[in-house]
Structure formats: structure tokens, C-alpha cells
Amino acid sequence: MGRPTKLNEEMYEKAEHYIKVGYIELGDAIPSHAALSIELNVSRSTIYKWADENERFSDMLDLCNKTQERVLLAKSLKGDYNAAISKLVLTKHGYHDRVDSTHNVTSLPHEDWLDSLDG
């Protein structure tokens, strides 16, 4: 039998406070899983294990991710954050700056359609 979990109501409250306003009070630019694990005094792997085993805590990590994305987008668009760092972190949220070239043109239409425009 494993060790008893530290996950209790107090941990949920601490996690929620950190994600909603605590990160600002602590001077963090954005909430993060690393900082959350420090605030809860557990390892990062522990918070991931809790999220795998517990829907409520999984929702907490999802809220952390969404808050991070929202703050990064807003502050970056305003020019408050370093663009290179914002770009790096936003890749973790599915953003990218490459151009997808999935549209292939195999043949061009004949130019006689231009003549039909003249009447």
C-alpha cells in the first residue's frame, strides 16, 4: 500500500488561490505547474499524478493552463512581455508561426475565362 495522499481540501484551495490570484501576489508573470508544485510543497510529478487520478485536480491544472494562455496572449499583444519568450511558451498551447502549405495547385485554369469577362 502506498503512502497516503496529501491531496485534501486545503490543497485544492491553495491551488485555486494560486491559479486565480496567488501567482500575481507572488510576482509571477504567469501561473505555471512548476510554481504550483512549489506552492503546494510537492513535486511536479505529484501534481500530474493527482491530475491523472482525480478529475477535480485535473480541472485545476486545466485552469492553470488556460489562465497561462490567456495572460500570455493578452500581455504579449499589448507588448508587455518579451515576444521571444511568449512565443516559446505559447507553442506549449498549440500556437506556431510557421506557414502550412497544404494547398496544392495541380493545374491552372485556361486563360480564355478572361475573354468571357469582356462580354
PDB file of N, CA and C in Angstrom:
ATOM      1  N   MET A   1       0.842  -1.182   0.000  1.00  0.00           N
ATOM      2  CA  MET A   1       0.000   0.000   0.000  1.00  0.00           C
ATOM      3  C   MET A   1       0.880   1.236   0.000  1.00  0.00           C
ATOM      4  N   GLY A   2       0.546   2.215  -0.835  1.00  0.00           N
ATOM      5  CA  GLY A   2       1.332   3.437  -0.969  1.00  0.00           C
ATOM      6  C   GLY A   2       1.092   4.400   0.181  1.00  0.00           C
ATOM      7  N   ARG A   3       1.881   5.453   0.146  1.00  0.00           N
ATOM      8  CA  ARG A   3       1.707   6.496   1.158  1.00  0.00           C
ATOM      9  C   ARG A   3       0.357   7.175   0.986  1.00  0.00           C
ATOM     10  N   PRO A   4      -0.216   7.664   2.081  1.00  0.00           N
ATOM     11  CA  PRO A   4      -1.474   8.403   1.937  1.00  0.00           C
ATOM     12  C   PRO A   4      -1.239   9.701   1.171  1.00  0.00           C
ATOM     13  N   THR A   5      -2.223  10.122   0.425  1.00  0.00           N
ATOM     14  CA  THR A   5      -2.093  11.322  -0.386  1.00  0.00           C
ATOM     15  C   THR A   5      -2.193  12.585   0.472  1.00  0.00           C
ATOM     16  N   LYS A   6      -1.478  13.605   0.043  1.00  0.00           N
ATOM     17  CA  LYS A   6      -1.571  14.908   0.694  1.00  0.00           C
ATOM     18  C   LYS A   6      -2.715  15.724   0.115  1.00  0.00           C
ATOM     19  N   LEU A   7      -3.340  15.210  -0.933  1.00  0.00           N
ATOM     20  CA  LEU A   7      -4.405  15.947  -1.608  1.00  0.00           C
ATOM     21  C   LEU A   7      -5.641  15.978  -0.721  1.00  0.00           C
ATOM     22  N   ASN A   8      -5.963  17.170  -0.266  1.00  0.00           N
ATOM     23  CA  ASN A   8      -7.137  17.370   0.575  1.00  0.00           C
ATOM     24  C   ASN A   8      -7.760  18.725   0.225  1.00  0.00           C
ATOM     25  N   GLU A   9      -8.790  19.095   0.927  1.00  0.00           N
ATOM     26  CA  GLU A   9      -9.496  20.343   0.630  1.00  0.00           C
ATOM     27  C   GLU A   9      -8.572  21.552   0.710  1.00  0.00           C
ATOM     28  N   GLU A  10      -7.660  21.554   1.656  1.00  0.00           N
ATOM     29  CA  GLU A  10      -6.712  22.665   1.791  1.00  0.00           C
ATOM     30  C   GLU A  10      -5.825  22.789   0.541  1.00  0.00           C
ATOM     31  N   MET A  11      -5.408  21.675  -0.019  1.00  0.00           N
ATOM     32  CA  MET A  11      -4.585  21.694  -1.228  1.00  0.00           C
ATOM     33  C   MET A  11      -5.364  22.240  -2.422  1.00  0.00           C
ATOM     34  N   TYR A  12      -6.642  21.839  -2.532  1.00  0.00           N
ATOM     35  CA  TYR A  12      -7.482  22.382  -3.602  1.00  0.00           C
ATOM     36  C   TYR A  12      -7.602  23.898  -3.475  1.00  0.00           C
ATOM     37  N   GLU A  13      -7.833  24.357  -2.252  1.00  0.00           N
ATOM     38  CA  GLU A  13      -7.984  25.792  -2.019  1.00  0.00           C
ATOM     39  C   GLU A  13      -6.694  26.545  -2.330  1.00  0.00           C
ATOM     40  N   LYS A  14      -5.558  25.985  -1.917  1.00  0.00           N
ATOM     41  CA  LYS A  14      -4.261  26.612  -2.222  1.00  0.00           C
ATOM     42  C   LYS A  14      -4.029  26.663  -3.726  1.00  0.00           C
ATOM     43  N   ALA A  15      -4.335  25.571  -4.402  1.00  0.00           N
ATOM     44  CA  ALA A  15      -4.143  25.506  -5.860  1.00  0.00           C
ATOM     45  C   ALA A  15      -5.026  26.542  -6.547  1.00  0.00           C
ATOM     46  N   GLU A  16      -6.283  26.597  -6.173  1.00  0.00           N
ATOM     47  CA  GLU A  16      -7.206  27.541  -6.795  1.00  0.00           C
ATOM     48  C   GLU A  16      -6.772  28.984  -6.535  1.00  0.00           C
ATOM     49  N   HIS A  17      -6.355  29.269  -5.313  1.00  0.00           N
ATOM     50  CA  HIS A  17      -5.900  30.627  -4.984  1.00  0.00           C
ATOM     51  C   HIS A  17      -4.675  30.997  -5.822  1.00  0.00           C
ATOM     52  N   TYR A  18      -3.703  30.089  -5.910  1.00  0.00           N
ATOM     53  CA  TYR A  18      -2.502  30.370  -6.701  1.00  0.00           C
ATOM     54  C   TYR A  18      -2.869  30.666  -8.154  1.00  0.00           C
ATOM     55  N   ILE A  19      -3.715  29.842  -8.741  1.00  0.00           N
ATOM     56  CA  ILE A  19      -4.047  29.970 -10.163  1.00  0.00           C
ATOM     57  C   ILE A  19      -4.841  31.249 -10.444  1.00  0.00           C
ATOM     58  N   LYS A  20      -5.732  31.616  -9.540  1.00  0.00           N
ATOM     59  CA  LYS A  20      -6.584  32.786  -9.783  1.00  0.00           C
ATOM     60  C   LYS A  20      -5.912  34.110  -9.451  1.00  0.00           C
ATOM     61  N   VAL A  21      -5.242  34.205  -8.313  1.00  0.00           N
ATOM     62  CA  VAL A  21      -4.611  35.481  -7.923  1.00  0.00           C
ATOM     63  C   VAL A  21      -3.252  35.323  -7.262  1.00  0.00           C
ATOM     64  N   GLY A  22      -2.987  34.168  -6.740  1.00  0.00           N
ATOM     65  CA  GLY A  22      -1.742  33.962  -5.998  1.00  0.00           C
ATOM     66  C   GLY A  22      -0.497  34.186  -6.828  1.00  0.00           C
ATOM     67  N   TYR A  23      -0.535  33.766  -8.075  1.00  0.00           N
ATOM     68  CA  TYR A  23       0.642  33.960  -8.927  1.00  0.00           C
ATOM     69  C   TYR A  23       0.963  35.438  -9.075  1.00  0.00           C
ATOM     70  N   ILE A  24      -0.064  36.295  -9.114  1.00  0.00           N
ATOM     71  CA  ILE A  24       0.142  37.741  -9.214  1.00  0.00           C
ATOM     72  C   ILE A  24       0.727  38.268  -7.905  1.00  0.00           C
ATOM     73  N   GLU A  25       0.157  37.837  -6.791  1.00  0.00           N
ATOM     74  CA  GLU A  25       0.637  38.258  -5.469  1.00  0.00           C
ATOM     75  C   GLU A  25       2.096  37.880  -5.256  1.00  0.00           C
ATOM     76  N   LEU A  26       2.502  36.754  -5.821  1.00  0.00           N
ATOM     77  CA  LEU A  26       3.880  36.274  -5.680  1.00  0.00           C
ATOM     78  C   LEU A  26       4.838  36.920  -6.675  1.00  0.00           C
ATOM     79  N   GLY A  27       4.285  37.682  -7.624  1.00  0.00           N
ATOM     80  CA  GLY A  27       5.126  38.336  -8.612  1.00  0.00           C
ATOM     81  C   GLY A  27       5.434  37.495  -9.829  1.00  0.00           C
ATOM     82  N   ASP A  28       4.716  36.377  -9.994  1.00  0.00           N
ATOM     83  CA  ASP A  28       4.899  35.549 -11.185  1.00  0.00           C
ATOM     84  C   ASP A  28       4.193  36.224 -12.362  1.00  0.00           C
ATOM     85  N   ALA A  29       4.810  36.177 -13.527  1.00  0.00           N
ATOM     86  CA  ALA A  29       4.203  36.764 -14.724  1.00  0.00           C
ATOM     87  C   ALA A  29       2.991  35.956 -15.174  1.00  0.00           C
ATOM     88  N   ILE A  30       3.092  34.642 -15.057  1.00  0.00           N
ATOM     89  CA  ILE A  30       2.016  33.729 -15.446  1.00  0.00           C
ATOM     90  C   ILE A  30       1.981  32.588 -14.443  1.00  0.00           C
ATOM     91  N   PRO A  31       0.828  31.941 -14.280  1.00  0.00           N
ATOM     92  CA  PRO A  31       0.805  30.749 -13.434  1.00  0.00           C
ATOM     93  C   PRO A  31       1.487  29.596 -14.164  1.00  0.00           C
ATOM     94  N   SER A  32       2.105  28.717 -13.419  1.00  0.00           N
ATOM     95  CA  SER A  32       2.772  27.566 -14.046  1.00  0.00           C
ATOM     96  C   SER A  32       2.651  26.342 -13.154  1.00  0.00           C
ATOM     97  N   HIS A  33       2.820  25.193 -13.760  1.00  0.00           N
ATOM     98  CA  HIS A  33       2.786  23.944 -12.999  1.00  0.00           C
ATOM     99  C   HIS A  33       3.956  23.883 -12.028  1.00  0.00           C
ATOM    100  N   ALA A  34       5.105  24.380 -12.448  1.00  0.00           N
ATOM    101  CA  ALA A  34       6.285  24.362 -11.575  1.00  0.00           C
ATOM    102  C   ALA A  34       6.031  25.184 -10.320  1.00  0.00           C
ATOM    103  N   ALA A  35       5.523  26.398 -10.501  1.00  0.00           N
ATOM    104  CA  ALA A  35       5.263  27.262  -9.343  1.00  0.00           C
ATOM    105  C   ALA A  35       4.135  26.697  -8.481  1.00  0.00           C
ATOM    106  N   LEU A  36       3.133  26.101  -9.114  1.00  0.00           N
ATOM    107  CA  LEU A  36       2.048  25.486  -8.358  1.00  0.00           C
ATOM    108  C   LEU A  36       2.595  24.376  -7.464  1.00  0.00           C
ATOM    109  N   SER A  37       3.487  23.568  -8.009  1.00  0.00           N
ATOM    110  CA  SER A  37       4.050  22.485  -7.196  1.00  0.00           C
ATOM    111  C   SER A  37       4.871  23.035  -6.033  1.00  0.00           C
ATOM    112  N   ILE A  38       5.550  24.158  -6.244  1.00  0.00           N
ATOM    113  CA  ILE A  38       6.292  24.789  -5.150  1.00  0.00           C
ATOM    114  C   ILE A  38       5.324  25.282  -4.082  1.00  0.00           C
ATOM    115  N   GLU A  39       4.256  25.947  -4.510  1.00  0.00           N
ATOM    116  CA  GLU A  39       3.274  26.477  -3.555  1.00  0.00           C
ATOM    117  C   GLU A  39       2.593  25.367  -2.757  1.00  0.00           C
ATOM    118  N   LEU A  40       2.392  24.216  -3.380  1.00  0.00           N
ATOM    119  CA  LEU A  40       1.765  23.089  -2.693  1.00  0.00           C
ATOM    120  C   LEU A  40       2.772  22.229  -1.950  1.00  0.00           C
ATOM    121  N   ASN A  41       4.065  22.534  -2.142  1.00  0.00           N
ATOM    122  CA  ASN A  41       5.149  21.800  -1.496  1.00  0.00           C
ATOM    123  C   ASN A  41       5.146  20.311  -1.849  1.00  0.00           C
ATOM    124  N   VAL A  42       4.943  20.053  -3.144  1.00  0.00           N
ATOM    125  CA  VAL A  42       5.004  18.685  -3.672  1.00  0.00           C
ATOM    126  C   VAL A  42       5.773  18.726  -4.988  1.00  0.00           C
ATOM    127  N   SER A  43       6.169  17.585  -5.471  1.00  0.00           N
ATOM    128  CA  SER A  43       6.892  17.531  -6.743  1.00  0.00           C
ATOM    129  C   SER A  43       5.937  17.753  -7.910  1.00  0.00           C
ATOM    130  N   ARG A  44       6.496  18.145  -9.020  1.00  0.00           N
ATOM    131  CA  ARG A  44       5.686  18.320 -10.225  1.00  0.00           C
ATOM    132  C   ARG A  44       5.051  16.991 -10.628  1.00  0.00           C
ATOM    133  N   SER A  45       5.793  15.897 -10.477  1.00  0.00           N
ATOM    134  CA  SER A  45       5.218  14.587 -10.833  1.00  0.00           C
ATOM    135  C   SER A  45       4.019  14.254  -9.949  1.00  0.00           C
ATOM    136  N   THR A  46       4.009  14.747  -8.727  1.00  0.00           N
ATOM    137  CA  THR A  46       2.873  14.512  -7.834  1.00  0.00           C
ATOM    138  C   THR A  46       1.628  15.228  -8.334  1.00  0.00           C
ATOM    139  N   ILE A  47       1.778  16.470  -8.791  1.00  0.00           N
ATOM    140  CA  ILE A  47       0.574  17.166  -9.270  1.00  0.00           C
ATOM    141  C   ILE A  47       0.042  16.512 -10.545  1.00  0.00           C
ATOM    142  N   TYR A  48       0.939  15.950 -11.366  1.00  0.00           N
ATOM    143  CA  TYR A  48       0.480  15.247 -12.566  1.00  0.00           C
ATOM    144  C   TYR A  48      -0.221  13.934 -12.193  1.00  0.00           C
ATOM    145  N   LYS A  49       0.294  13.270 -11.172  1.00  0.00           N
ATOM    146  CA  LYS A  49      -0.338  12.028 -10.694  1.00  0.00           C
ATOM    147  C   LYS A  49      -1.723  12.345 -10.141  1.00  0.00           C
ATOM    148  N   TRP A  50      -1.818  13.408  -9.350  1.00  0.00           N
ATOM    149  CA  TRP A  50      -3.122  13.811  -8.818  1.00  0.00           C
ATOM    150  C   TRP A  50      -4.096  14.109  -9.946  1.00  0.00           C
ATOM    151  N   ALA A  51      -3.617  14.783 -10.971  1.00  0.00           N
ATOM    152  CA  ALA A  51      -4.482  15.125 -12.105  1.00  0.00           C
ATOM    153  C   ALA A  51      -4.955  13.869 -12.841  1.00  0.00           C
ATOM    154  N   ASP A  52      -4.074  12.869 -12.947  1.00  0.00           N
ATOM    155  CA  ASP A  52      -4.455  11.613 -13.604  1.00  0.00           C
ATOM    156  C   ASP A  52      -5.508  10.845 -12.802  1.00  0.00           C
ATOM    157  N   GLU A  53      -5.422  10.953 -11.488  1.00  0.00           N
ATOM    158  CA  GLU A  53      -6.282  10.156 -10.617  1.00  0.00           C
ATOM    159  C   GLU A  53      -7.521  10.891 -10.134  1.00  0.00           C
ATOM    160  N   ASN A  54      -7.580  12.206 -10.342  1.00  0.00           N
ATOM    161  CA  ASN A  54      -8.632  12.988  -9.723  1.00  0.00           C
ATOM    162  C   ASN A  54      -9.132  14.055 -10.685  1.00  0.00           C
ATOM    163  N   GLU A  55     -10.387  13.958 -11.069  1.00  0.00           N
ATOM    164  CA  GLU A  55     -10.951  14.898 -12.048  1.00  0.00           C
ATOM    165  C   GLU A  55     -10.919  16.343 -11.543  1.00  0.00           C
ATOM    166  N   ARG A  56     -11.174  16.529 -10.275  1.00  0.00           N
ATOM    167  CA  ARG A  56     -11.180  17.897  -9.724  1.00  0.00           C
ATOM    168  C   ARG A  56      -9.799  18.535  -9.832  1.00  0.00           C
ATOM    169  N   PHE A  57      -8.761  17.776  -9.526  1.00  0.00           N
ATOM    170  CA  PHE A  57      -7.417  18.336  -9.634  1.00  0.00           C
ATOM    171  C   PHE A  57      -7.005  18.465 -11.098  1.00  0.00           C
ATOM    172  N   SER A  58      -7.466  17.573 -11.936  1.00  0.00           N
ATOM    173  CA  SER A  58      -7.213  17.693 -13.371  1.00  0.00           C
ATOM    174  C   SER A  58      -7.797  19.004 -13.887  1.00  0.00           C
ATOM    175  N   ASP A  59      -8.984  19.343 -13.407  1.00  0.00           N
ATOM    176  CA  ASP A  59      -9.599  20.618 -13.775  1.00  0.00           C
ATOM    177  C   ASP A  59      -8.758  21.800 -13.294  1.00  0.00           C
ATOM    178  N   MET A  60      -8.105  21.653 -12.138  1.00  0.00           N
ATOM    179  CA  MET A  60      -7.226  22.714 -11.621  1.00  0.00           C
ATOM    180  C   MET A  60      -6.050  22.948 -12.577  1.00  0.00           C
ATOM    181  N   LEU A  61      -5.424  21.867 -13.041  1.00  0.00           N
ATOM    182  CA  LEU A  61      -4.302  22.020 -13.969  1.00  0.00           C
ATOM    183  C   LEU A  61      -4.775  22.593 -15.298  1.00  0.00           C
ATOM    184  N   ASP A  62      -5.970  22.210 -15.725  1.00  0.00           N
ATOM    185  CA  ASP A  62      -6.525  22.769 -16.951  1.00  0.00           C
ATOM    186  C   ASP A  62      -6.761  24.272 -16.788  1.00  0.00           C
ATOM    187  N   LEU A  63      -7.273  24.683 -15.635  1.00  0.00           N
ATOM    188  CA  LEU A  63      -7.472  26.105 -15.360  1.00  0.00           C
ATOM    189  C   LEU A  63      -6.137  26.844 -15.343  1.00  0.00           C
ATOM    190  N   CYS A  64      -5.116  26.213 -14.804  1.00  0.00           N
ATOM    191  CA  CYS A  64      -3.767  26.798 -14.798  1.00  0.00           C
ATOM    192  C   CYS A  64      -3.298  27.026 -16.238  1.00  0.00           C
ATOM    193  N   ASN A  65      -3.472  26.030 -17.082  1.00  0.00           N
ATOM    194  CA  ASN A  65      -3.059  26.143 -18.484  1.00  0.00           C
ATOM    195  C   ASN A  65      -3.832  27.234 -19.227  1.00  0.00           C
ATOM    196  N   LYS A  66      -5.142  27.258 -19.027  1.00  0.00           N
ATOM    197  CA  LYS A  66      -5.965  28.258 -19.711  1.00  0.00           C
ATOM    198  C   LYS A  66      -5.642  29.668 -19.229  1.00  0.00           C
ATOM    199  N   THR A  67      -5.395  29.813 -17.933  1.00  0.00           N
ATOM    200  CA  THR A  67      -5.040  31.125 -17.387  1.00  0.00           C
ATOM    201  C   THR A  67      -3.697  31.562 -17.940  1.00  0.00           C
ATOM    202  N   GLN A  68      -2.748  30.640 -17.995  1.00  0.00           N
ATOM    203  CA  GLN A  68      -1.430  30.944 -18.550  1.00  0.00           C
ATOM    204  C   GLN A  68      -1.555  31.415 -19.996  1.00  0.00           C
ATOM    205  N   GLU A  69      -2.319  30.694 -20.785  1.00  0.00           N
ATOM    206  CA  GLU A  69      -2.509  31.048 -22.197  1.00  0.00           C
ATOM    207  C   GLU A  69      -3.168  32.421 -22.330  1.00  0.00           C
ATOM    208  N   ARG A  70      -4.206  32.651 -21.554  1.00  0.00           N
ATOM    209  CA  ARG A  70      -4.935  33.924 -21.626  1.00  0.00           C
ATOM    210  C   ARG A  70      -4.046  35.106 -21.266  1.00  0.00           C
ATOM    211  N   VAL A  71      -3.314  34.981 -20.167  1.00  0.00           N
ATOM    212  CA  VAL A  71      -2.444  36.071 -19.725  1.00  0.00           C
ATOM    213  C   VAL A  71      -1.333  36.308 -20.739  1.00  0.00           C
ATOM    214  N   LEU A  72      -0.736  35.240 -21.232  1.00  0.00           N
ATOM    215  CA  LEU A  72       0.331  35.377 -22.230  1.00  0.00           C
ATOM    216  C   LEU A  72      -0.151  36.083 -23.487  1.00  0.00           C
ATOM    217  N   LEU A  73      -1.298  35.665 -23.997  1.00  0.00           N
ATOM    218  CA  LEU A  73      -1.835  36.290 -25.204  1.00  0.00           C
ATOM    219  C   LEU A  73      -2.114  37.775 -24.981  1.00  0.00           C
ATOM    220  N   ALA A  74      -2.805  38.082 -23.899  1.00  0.00           N
ATOM    221  CA  ALA A  74      -3.180  39.472 -23.634  1.00  0.00           C
ATOM    222  C   ALA A  74      -1.953  40.352 -23.437  1.00  0.00           C
ATOM    223  N   LYS A  75      -1.031  39.914 -22.617  1.00  0.00           N
ATOM    224  CA  LYS A  75       0.150  40.732 -22.313  1.00  0.00           C
ATOM    225  C   LYS A  75       1.094  40.821 -23.509  1.00  0.00           C
ATOM    226  N   SER A  76       1.174  39.768 -24.281  1.00  0.00           N
ATOM    227  CA  SER A  76       2.042  39.784 -25.461  1.00  0.00           C
ATOM    228  C   SER A  76       1.493  40.720 -26.530  1.00  0.00           C
ATOM    229  N   LEU A  77       0.191  40.665 -26.741  1.00  0.00           N
ATOM    230  CA  LEU A  77      -0.424  41.533 -27.744  1.00  0.00           C
ATOM    231  C   LEU A  77      -0.305  43.007 -27.369  1.00  0.00           C
ATOM    232  N   LYS A  78      -0.271  43.284 -26.073  1.00  0.00           N
ATOM    233  CA  LYS A  78      -0.093  44.661 -25.606  1.00  0.00           C
ATOM    234  C   LYS A  78       1.371  45.085 -25.609  1.00  0.00           C
ATOM    235  N   GLY A  79       2.268  44.124 -25.829  1.00  0.00           N
ATOM    236  CA  GLY A  79       3.696  44.429 -25.836  1.00  0.00           C
ATOM    237  C   GLY A  79       4.320  44.450 -24.450  1.00  0.00           C
ATOM    238  N   ASP A  80       3.605  43.919 -23.454  1.00  0.00           N
ATOM    239  CA  ASP A  80       4.115  43.904 -22.086  1.00  0.00           C
ATOM    240  C   ASP A  80       5.150  42.806 -21.846  1.00  0.00           C
ATOM    241  N   TYR A  81       5.103  41.759 -22.642  1.00  0.00           N
ATOM    242  CA  TYR A  81       6.003  40.619 -22.447  1.00  0.00           C
ATOM    243  C   TYR A  81       6.956  40.494 -23.621  1.00  0.00           C
ATOM    244  N   ASN A  82       8.106  39.935 -23.358  1.00  0.00           N
ATOM    245  CA  ASN A  82       9.106  39.665 -24.372  1.00  0.00           C
ATOM    246  C   ASN A  82       8.525  38.716 -25.411  1.00  0.00           C
ATOM    247  N   ALA A  83       8.543  39.123 -26.658  1.00  0.00           N
ATOM    248  CA  ALA A  83       7.923  38.353 -27.738  1.00  0.00           C
ATOM    249  C   ALA A  83       8.538  36.965 -27.894  1.00  0.00           C
ATOM    250  N   ALA A  84       9.845  36.871 -27.790  1.00  0.00           N
ATOM    251  CA  ALA A  84      10.507  35.573 -27.993  1.00  0.00           C
ATOM    252  C   ALA A  84      10.112  34.574 -26.904  1.00  0.00           C
ATOM    253  N   ILE A  85      10.047  35.034 -25.670  1.00  0.00           N
ATOM    254  CA  ILE A  85       9.671  34.143 -24.562  1.00  0.00           C
ATOM    255  C   ILE A  85       8.195  33.770 -24.679  1.00  0.00           C
ATOM    256  N   SER A  86       7.355  34.745 -24.994  1.00  0.00           N
ATOM    257  CA  SER A  86       5.920  34.466 -25.164  1.00  0.00           C
ATOM    258  C   SER A  86       5.706  33.435 -26.253  1.00  0.00           C
ATOM    259  N   LYS A  87       6.397  33.606 -27.367  1.00  0.00           N
ATOM    260  CA  LYS A  87       6.290  32.681 -28.496  1.00  0.00           C
ATOM    261  C   LYS A  87       6.689  31.271 -28.076  1.00  0.00           C
ATOM    262  N   LEU A  88       7.761  31.178 -27.315  1.00  0.00           N
ATOM    263  CA  LEU A  88       8.232  29.881 -26.835  1.00  0.00           C
ATOM    264  C   LEU A  88       7.178  29.206 -25.960  1.00  0.00           C
ATOM    265  N   VAL A  89       6.626  29.934 -25.017  1.00  0.00           N
ATOM    266  CA  VAL A  89       5.642  29.352 -24.106  1.00  0.00           C
ATOM    267  C   VAL A  89       4.334  29.040 -24.837  1.00  0.00           C
ATOM    268  N   LEU A  90       3.931  29.894 -25.750  1.00  0.00           N
ATOM    269  CA  LEU A  90       2.672  29.663 -26.462  1.00  0.00           C
ATOM    270  C   LEU A  90       2.721  28.427 -27.362  1.00  0.00           C
ATOM    271  N   THR A  91       3.914  27.974 -27.740  1.00  0.00           N
ATOM    272  CA  THR A  91       3.994  26.723 -28.508  1.00  0.00           C
ATOM    273  C   THR A  91       3.448  25.559 -27.680  1.00  0.00           C
ATOM    274  N   LYS A  92       3.550  25.659 -26.367  1.00  0.00           N
ATOM    275  CA  LYS A  92       3.019  24.612 -25.478  1.00  0.00           C
ATOM    276  C   LYS A  92       1.483  24.597 -25.499  1.00  0.00           C
ATOM    277  N   HIS A  93       0.896  25.669 -26.021  1.00  0.00           N
ATOM    278  CA  HIS A  93      -0.558  25.773 -26.106  1.00  0.00           C
ATOM    279  C   HIS A  93      -1.053  25.576 -27.539  1.00  0.00           C
ATOM    280  N   GLY A  94      -0.171  25.101 -28.426  1.00  0.00           N
ATOM    281  CA  GLY A  94      -0.572  24.782 -29.787  1.00  0.00           C
ATOM    282  C   GLY A  94      -0.379  25.893 -30.793  1.00  0.00           C
ATOM    283  N   TYR A  95       0.181  27.018 -30.377  1.00  0.00           N
ATOM    284  CA  TYR A  95       0.417  28.118 -31.307  1.00  0.00           C
ATOM    285  C   TYR A  95       1.740  27.891 -32.033  1.00  0.00           C
ATOM    286  N   HIS A  96       1.816  28.370 -33.270  1.00  0.00           N
ATOM    287  CA  HIS A  96       3.063  28.285 -34.027  1.00  0.00           C
ATOM    288  C   HIS A  96       3.100  29.414 -35.031  1.00  0.00           C
ATOM    289  N   ASP A  97       4.291  29.693 -35.560  1.00  0.00           N
ATOM    290  CA  ASP A  97       4.417  30.790 -36.515  1.00  0.00           C
ATOM    291  C   ASP A  97       4.819  30.310 -37.902  1.00  0.00           C
ATOM    292  N   ARG A  98       4.727  29.034 -38.151  1.00  0.00           N
ATOM    293  CA  ARG A  98       5.090  28.534 -39.472  1.00  0.00           C
ATOM    294  C   ARG A  98       3.874  28.602 -40.397  1.00  0.00           C
ATOM    295  N   VAL A  99       4.151  28.636 -41.665  1.00  0.00           N
ATOM    296  CA  VAL A  99       3.097  28.673 -42.666  1.00  0.00           C
ATOM    297  C   VAL A  99       2.861  27.246 -43.139  1.00  0.00           C
ATOM    298  N   ASP A 100       1.622  26.804 -43.042  1.00  0.00           N
ATOM    299  CA  ASP A 100       1.275  25.476 -43.534  1.00  0.00           C
ATOM    300  C   ASP A 100       0.963  25.578 -45.019  1.00  0.00           C
ATOM    301  N   SER A 101       1.656  24.798 -45.815  1.00  0.00           N
ATOM    302  CA  SER A 101       1.413  24.832 -47.258  1.00  0.00           C
ATOM    303  C   SER A 101       0.805  23.511 -47.692  1.00  0.00           C
ATOM    304  N   THR A 102      -0.424  23.316 -47.298  1.00  0.00           N
ATOM    305  CA  THR A 102      -1.106  22.066 -47.634  1.00  0.00           C
ATOM    306  C   THR A 102      -1.988  22.207 -48.862  1.00  0.00           C
ATOM    307  N   HIS A 103      -2.099  23.424 -49.399  1.00  0.00           N
ATOM    308  CA  HIS A 103      -2.926  23.648 -50.575  1.00  0.00           C
ATOM    309  C   HIS A 103      -2.054  23.492 -51.830  1.00  0.00           C
ATOM    310  N   ASN A 104      -2.297  22.447 -52.559  1.00  0.00           N
ATOM    311  CA  ASN A 104      -1.520  22.187 -53.774  1.00  0.00           C
ATOM    312  C   ASN A 104      -2.357  22.498 -55.004  1.00  0.00           C
ATOM    313  N   VAL A 105      -1.787  23.221 -55.940  1.00  0.00           N
ATOM    314  CA  VAL A 105      -2.453  23.509 -57.207  1.00  0.00           C
ATOM    315  C   VAL A 105      -1.826  22.596 -58.251  1.00  0.00           C
ATOM    316  N   THR A 106      -2.652  21.734 -58.831  1.00  0.00           N
ATOM    317  CA  THR A 106      -2.110  20.791 -59.813  1.00  0.00           C
ATOM    318  C   THR A 106      -2.259  21.296 -61.232  1.00  0.00           C
ATOM    319  N   SER A 107      -3.246  22.151 -61.472  1.00  0.00           N
ATOM    320  CA  SER A 107      -3.399  22.704 -62.822  1.00  0.00           C
ATOM    321  C   SER A 107      -4.005  24.097 -62.713  1.00  0.00           C
ATOM    322  N   LEU A 108      -3.629  24.935 -63.627  1.00  0.00           N
ATOM    323  CA  LEU A 108      -4.160  26.288 -63.666  1.00  0.00           C
ATOM    324  C   LEU A 108      -5.267  26.348 -64.695  1.00  0.00           C
ATOM    325  N   PRO A 109      -6.297  27.168 -64.460  1.00  0.00           N
ATOM    326  CA  PRO A 109      -7.375  27.275 -65.452  1.00  0.00           C
ATOM    327  C   PRO A 109      -6.861  27.956 -66.710  1.00  0.00           C
ATOM    328  N   HIS A 110      -7.515  27.671 -67.804  1.00  0.00           N
ATOM    329  CA  HIS A 110      -7.150  28.311 -69.065  1.00  0.00           C
ATOM    330  C   HIS A 110      -7.452  29.798 -69.002  1.00  0.00           C
ATOM    331  N   GLU A 111      -6.716  30.561 -69.732  1.00  0.00           N
ATOM    332  CA  GLU A 111      -6.896  31.997 -69.697  1.00  0.00           C
ATOM    333  C   GLU A 111      -8.103  32.469 -70.489  1.00  0.00           C
ATOM    334  N   ASP A 112      -8.828  31.557 -71.220  1.00  0.00           N
ATOM    335  CA  ASP A 112      -9.965  32.040 -72.006  1.00  0.00           C
ATOM    336  C   ASP A 112     -11.109  32.527 -71.118  1.00  0.00           C
ATOM    337  N   TRP A 113     -11.095  32.190 -69.869  1.00  0.00           N
ATOM    338  CA  TRP A 113     -12.150  32.706 -68.987  1.00  0.00           C
ATOM    339  C   TRP A 113     -12.068  34.223 -68.881  1.00  0.00           C
ATOM    340  N   LEU A 114     -10.866  34.792 -69.114  1.00  0.00           N
ATOM    341  CA  LEU A 114     -10.732  36.246 -69.111  1.00  0.00           C
ATOM    342  C   LEU A 114     -11.482  36.869 -70.276  1.00  0.00           C
ATOM    343  N   ASP A 115     -11.454  36.198 -71.428  1.00  0.00           N
ATOM    344  CA  ASP A 115     -12.153  36.709 -72.612  1.00  0.00           C
ATOM    345  C   ASP A 115     -13.666  36.757 -72.369  1.00  0.00           C
ATOM    346  N   SER A 116     -14.172  35.829 -71.565  1.00  0.00           N
ATOM    347  CA  SER A 116     -15.611  35.791 -71.315  1.00  0.00           C
ATOM    348  C   SER A 116     -16.044  36.971 -70.458  1.00  0.00           C
ATOM    349  N   LEU A 117     -15.160  37.599 -69.766  1.00  0.00           N
ATOM    350  CA  LEU A 117     -15.494  38.763 -68.948  1.00  0.00           C
ATOM    351  C   LEU A 117     -15.774  39.998 -69.794  1.00  0.00           C
ATOM    352  N   ASP A 118     -15.187  40.047 -70.990  1.00  0.00           N
ATOM    353  CA  ASP A 118     -15.392  41.199 -71.878  1.00  0.00           C
ATOM    354  C   ASP A 118     -16.793  41.214 -72.472  1.00  0.00           C
ATOM    355  N   GLY A 119     -17.459  40.156 -72.418  1.00  0.00           N
ATOM    356  CA  GLY A 119     -18.823  40.198 -72.900  1.00  0.00           C
ATOM    357  C   GLY A 119     -19.055  39.329 -74.030  1.00  0.00           C
TER     358      GLY A 119
END
